[in-house]
Amino acid sequence: MAPVAKEIGDLKVALASGKGLDGKPLSTADIAEAKEQVADREVQVADFKTYQFQAPTLTFDRSLTLDFGNREIEIKNLGRATTDGDAFVFLPKERILITGDLVVSPLPYTGGSFPSEWRDTLRVMVGMNPAIVVPGHGPIERDTRYMNEVIDLLDSVISQVTVMAPKRRAMPIAQFKPADLHIDVERFRKSMAGSDPERNQWFRSMVDEALVKLAYMEVTGAH
């Protein structure tokens, strides 16, 4: 709940000052969007206060298949990916893949991910040949082009970090600076963020910083 409260506070500061996080004046559209976001987040905070935990009545380890006669639903957990407990849903007859936050567009959410395991999971999902992909966030997709782009991004970062990390002395993760590895992700930045300032800020946070750091931790075993 604390992150949501902080987001509300940041939005209200921006509205009061008339300037965004980048220091640039907010446009009329920016102000309208910020007000809408504040209202949405305040509803979330109110919901948190009345939230009651409902324990699951059915659990599974790696896979669960539900058979409704004319429709089969597969629920799978292939291991750690964007978190240490990801699951996705696949309808084999309809070839519909419901990914949860394993796929988030137009930019991937990398915050607490396990890069190489996430990449491997995405490869399996692409191999299921879905006709429709329903991401955790973003528009419905009719092919796996974006998923393949995320796989390529993960591949590129992991490969570059694997080469660069041994050239630097081992250090505690608290002292590690992602920028010191000079990882080149420019083609993905252009494709995923373009010239949009907000998307570029998100890309810097999720890829330049978080993903590179997580790949470094994975490659070196740093903590």
Protein backbone atom coordinates (compact mmCIF):
# COMPACT_ATOMS: atom_id res chain seq x y z
CA MET A 1 0.00 0.00 0.00
CA ALA A 2 2.96 2.32 0.68
CA PRO A 3 4.01 2.48 -3.03
CA VAL A 4 0.47 3.45 -4.04
CA ALA A 5 0.35 6.17 -1.39
CA LYS A 6 3.72 7.49 -2.62
CA GLU A 7 2.46 7.49 -6.21
CA ILE A 8 -0.59 9.51 -5.16
CA GLY A 9 1.68 11.96 -3.34
CA ASP A 10 3.97 12.33 -6.37
CA LEU A 11 1.01 12.91 -8.67
CA LYS A 12 -0.45 15.55 -6.37
CA VAL A 13 2.91 17.34 -6.17
CA ALA A 14 3.09 17.32 -9.96
CA LEU A 15 -0.44 18.71 -10.22
CA ALA A 16 0.27 21.40 -7.65
CA SER A 17 3.50 22.48 -9.36
CA GLY A 18 2.25 22.01 -12.89
CA LYS A 19 5.44 20.08 -13.72
CA GLY A 20 6.14 16.40 -14.32
CA LEU A 21 8.95 14.29 -12.84
CA ASP A 22 11.19 15.47 -15.67
CA GLY A 23 10.64 19.09 -14.67
CA LYS A 24 8.75 19.93 -17.84
CA PRO A 25 5.36 21.70 -17.70
CA LEU A 26 2.34 19.41 -17.77
CA SER A 27 0.10 19.70 -20.80
CA THR A 28 -3.68 19.83 -20.50
CA ALA A 29 -3.76 16.12 -21.41
CA ASP A 30 -1.07 15.35 -18.80
CA ILE A 31 -3.07 17.13 -16.10
CA ALA A 32 -6.26 15.28 -17.01
CA GLU A 33 -4.41 11.96 -16.97
CA ALA A 34 -2.74 12.72 -13.62
CA LYS A 35 -6.10 13.61 -12.06
CA GLU A 36 -7.58 10.37 -13.37
CA GLN A 37 -4.64 8.41 -11.94
CA VAL A 38 -5.04 10.05 -8.54
CA ALA A 39 -8.74 9.14 -8.49
CA ASP A 40 -7.98 5.54 -9.51
CA ARG A 41 -5.24 5.14 -6.89
CA GLU A 42 -7.43 6.60 -4.15
CA VAL A 43 -10.08 4.00 -4.99
CA GLN A 44 -7.38 1.33 -4.63
CA VAL A 45 -6.37 2.65 -1.20
CA ALA A 46 -10.01 2.62 -0.09
CA ASP A 47 -10.35 -0.97 -1.33
CA PHE A 48 -7.27 -2.04 0.63
CA LYS A 49 -8.96 -0.97 3.86
CA THR A 50 -11.86 -3.40 3.36
CA TYR A 51 -9.86 -6.19 1.71
CA GLN A 52 -10.31 -9.67 3.15
CA PHE A 53 -7.99 -12.52 2.23
CA GLN A 54 -9.65 -15.53 0.59
CA ALA A 55 -7.46 -18.63 0.66
CA PRO A 56 -7.46 -20.80 -2.50
CA THR A 57 -9.52 -23.96 -2.43
CA LEU A 58 -7.48 -25.67 -5.16
CA THR A 59 -3.72 -25.46 -5.66
CA PHE A 60 -1.18 -26.96 -8.06
CA ASP A 61 2.58 -27.31 -8.37
CA ARG A 62 3.57 -27.27 -12.07
CA SER A 63 0.37 -27.79 -14.04
CA LEU A 64 -3.38 -28.10 -13.71
CA THR A 65 -5.82 -29.02 -16.49
CA LEU A 66 -9.49 -28.12 -16.24
CA ASP A 67 -11.82 -30.00 -18.60
CA PHE A 68 -15.18 -28.38 -19.32
CA GLY A 69 -16.19 -30.85 -22.02
CA ASN A 70 -15.92 -28.65 -25.08
CA ARG A 71 -13.13 -26.55 -23.62
CA GLU A 72 -9.86 -27.52 -21.98
CA ILE A 73 -7.91 -25.02 -19.90
CA GLU A 74 -4.27 -25.56 -18.99
CA ILE A 75 -2.70 -23.66 -16.10
CA LYS A 76 1.07 -23.91 -15.96
CA ASN A 77 3.94 -22.85 -13.73
CA LEU A 78 7.31 -23.43 -15.42
CA GLY A 79 9.36 -22.02 -12.55
CA ARG A 80 10.72 -18.61 -11.71
CA ALA A 81 10.37 -15.90 -14.33
CA THR A 82 9.16 -12.36 -13.60
CA THR A 83 8.69 -13.49 -9.98
CA ASP A 84 9.40 -16.73 -8.10
CA GLY A 85 5.82 -17.93 -8.60
CA ASP A 86 4.53 -17.21 -12.11
CA ALA A 87 1.66 -19.01 -13.79
CA PHE A 88 -0.05 -18.63 -17.15
CA VAL A 89 -3.17 -20.04 -18.83
CA PHE A 90 -3.43 -21.72 -22.24
CA LEU A 91 -6.51 -22.86 -24.13
CA PRO A 92 -5.06 -25.38 -26.60
CA LYS A 93 -8.13 -25.75 -28.83
CA GLU A 94 -8.54 -21.99 -29.27
CA ARG A 95 -4.75 -21.37 -29.03
CA ILE A 96 -5.34 -18.53 -26.58
CA LEU A 97 -2.45 -17.70 -24.23
CA ILE A 98 -3.18 -15.63 -21.11
CA THR A 99 0.21 -14.60 -19.80
CA GLY A 100 -0.25 -12.52 -16.68
CA ASP A 101 2.77 -10.29 -16.09
CA LEU A 102 5.06 -12.71 -17.93
CA VAL A 103 4.22 -10.45 -20.85
CA VAL A 104 3.63 -6.72 -20.31
CA SER A 105 3.61 -4.31 -23.23
CA PRO A 106 4.72 -1.98 -24.68
CA LEU A 107 7.59 -2.38 -22.19
CA PRO A 108 8.40 -5.44 -20.08
CA TYR A 109 8.19 -5.33 -16.29
CA THR A 110 11.53 -6.66 -15.04
CA GLY A 111 11.53 -5.49 -11.41
CA GLY A 112 11.92 -8.77 -9.51
CA SER A 113 12.68 -11.08 -12.40
CA PHE A 114 15.06 -14.00 -12.94
CA PRO A 115 16.28 -13.11 -16.46
CA SER A 116 17.50 -16.44 -17.88
CA GLU A 117 14.62 -18.46 -16.40
CA TRP A 118 12.12 -15.87 -17.61
CA ARG A 119 13.62 -16.07 -21.11
CA ASP A 120 13.34 -19.86 -21.08
CA THR A 121 9.71 -19.70 -19.97
CA LEU A 122 8.87 -17.23 -22.74
CA ARG A 123 10.49 -19.57 -25.29
CA VAL A 124 8.26 -22.42 -24.16
CA MET A 125 5.21 -20.15 -24.39
CA VAL A 126 6.11 -19.06 -27.92
CA GLY A 127 6.61 -22.73 -28.81
CA MET A 128 2.97 -23.37 -27.90
CA ASN A 129 2.15 -21.39 -31.08
CA PRO A 130 -0.62 -19.17 -29.66
CA ALA A 131 -2.92 -17.40 -32.10
CA ILE A 132 -4.04 -14.86 -29.49
CA VAL A 133 -1.88 -13.52 -26.64
CA VAL A 134 -3.59 -11.75 -23.73
CA PRO A 135 -0.83 -9.93 -21.80
CA GLY A 136 -0.92 -8.85 -18.19
CA HIS A 137 -0.92 -5.24 -19.38
CA GLY A 138 -1.27 -3.92 -22.91
CA PRO A 139 -3.40 -4.69 -25.94
CA ILE A 140 -4.28 -8.21 -27.09
CA GLU A 141 -1.73 -9.51 -29.59
CA ARG A 142 -2.40 -11.72 -32.63
CA ASP A 143 1.14 -13.10 -32.92
CA THR A 144 4.27 -13.63 -30.83
CA ARG A 145 6.44 -10.88 -32.33
CA TYR A 146 6.53 -8.84 -29.14
CA MET A 147 7.23 -11.92 -27.01
CA ASN A 148 10.14 -12.76 -29.30
CA GLU A 149 11.42 -9.19 -28.95
CA VAL A 150 11.40 -9.53 -25.16
CA ILE A 151 13.27 -12.85 -25.52
CA ASP A 152 15.83 -11.10 -27.75
CA LEU A 153 16.20 -8.31 -25.17
CA LEU A 154 16.78 -10.79 -22.36
CA ASP A 155 19.23 -12.75 -24.52
CA SER A 156 21.16 -9.61 -25.39
CA VAL A 157 21.44 -8.31 -21.83
CA ILE A 158 22.37 -11.72 -20.39
CA SER A 159 25.01 -12.30 -23.09
CA GLN A 160 26.57 -8.85 -22.70
CA VAL A 161 26.61 -9.05 -18.90
CA THR A 162 28.20 -12.52 -19.10
CA VAL A 163 31.04 -11.04 -21.18
CA MET A 164 31.47 -7.82 -19.22
CA ALA A 165 31.02 -8.97 -15.62
CA PRO A 166 34.30 -10.96 -15.35
CA LYS A 167 36.21 -7.85 -16.46
CA ARG A 168 35.17 -6.12 -13.25
CA ARG A 169 36.25 -7.14 -9.81
CA ALA A 170 33.65 -8.91 -7.69
CA MET A 171 31.74 -6.46 -5.56
CA PRO A 172 28.71 -6.45 -3.23
CA ILE A 173 25.55 -5.69 -5.14
CA ALA A 174 25.07 -2.55 -3.04
CA GLN A 175 28.16 -1.08 -4.73
CA PHE A 176 27.28 -2.23 -8.24
CA LYS A 177 26.34 0.41 -10.82
CA PRO A 178 24.61 -0.99 -13.94
CA ALA A 179 25.91 1.86 -16.09
CA ASP A 180 29.51 0.73 -15.44
CA LEU A 181 28.97 -2.34 -17.65
CA HIS A 182 28.01 -0.22 -20.69
CA ILE A 183 25.34 -2.65 -21.87
CA ASP A 184 24.01 -1.69 -25.31
CA VAL A 185 20.21 -1.93 -25.54
CA GLU A 186 19.68 0.99 -27.88
CA ARG A 187 17.81 -0.91 -30.60
CA PHE A 188 15.32 -2.18 -28.03
CA ARG A 189 14.94 1.30 -26.54
CA LYS A 190 14.05 2.68 -29.98
CA SER A 191 11.62 -0.14 -30.71
CA MET A 192 9.90 -0.26 -27.33
CA ALA A 193 10.07 3.34 -26.09
CA GLY A 194 10.55 5.40 -29.24
CA SER A 195 10.54 9.13 -28.50
CA ASP A 196 7.95 8.97 -25.72
CA PRO A 197 9.48 10.54 -22.55
CA GLU A 198 7.46 8.43 -20.11
CA ARG A 199 8.28 5.19 -21.91
CA ASN A 200 11.96 6.14 -22.02
CA GLN A 201 11.95 6.80 -18.30
CA TRP A 202 10.33 3.40 -17.73
CA PHE A 203 12.86 1.73 -20.03
CA ARG A 204 15.76 3.28 -18.11
CA SER A 205 14.30 2.03 -14.84
CA MET A 206 13.26 -1.44 -16.01
CA VAL A 207 16.08 -2.28 -18.43
CA ASP A 208 19.14 -0.04 -18.02
CA GLU A 209 18.96 -0.37 -14.26
CA ALA A 210 16.82 -3.28 -13.00
CA LEU A 211 17.39 -5.86 -15.75
CA VAL A 212 21.14 -5.25 -15.99
CA LYS A 213 21.47 -5.47 -12.21
CA LEU A 214 19.44 -8.68 -12.02
CA ALA A 215 21.43 -10.25 -14.86
CA TYR A 216 24.66 -9.28 -13.08
CA MET A 217 23.42 -10.89 -9.87
CA GLU A 218 22.49 -14.01 -11.79
CA VAL A 219 25.81 -14.24 -13.68
CA THR A 220 28.08 -13.49 -10.71
CA GLY A 221 26.04 -14.74 -7.77
CA ALA A 222 26.41 -11.31 -6.16
CA HIS A 223 24.09 -10.35 -3.31
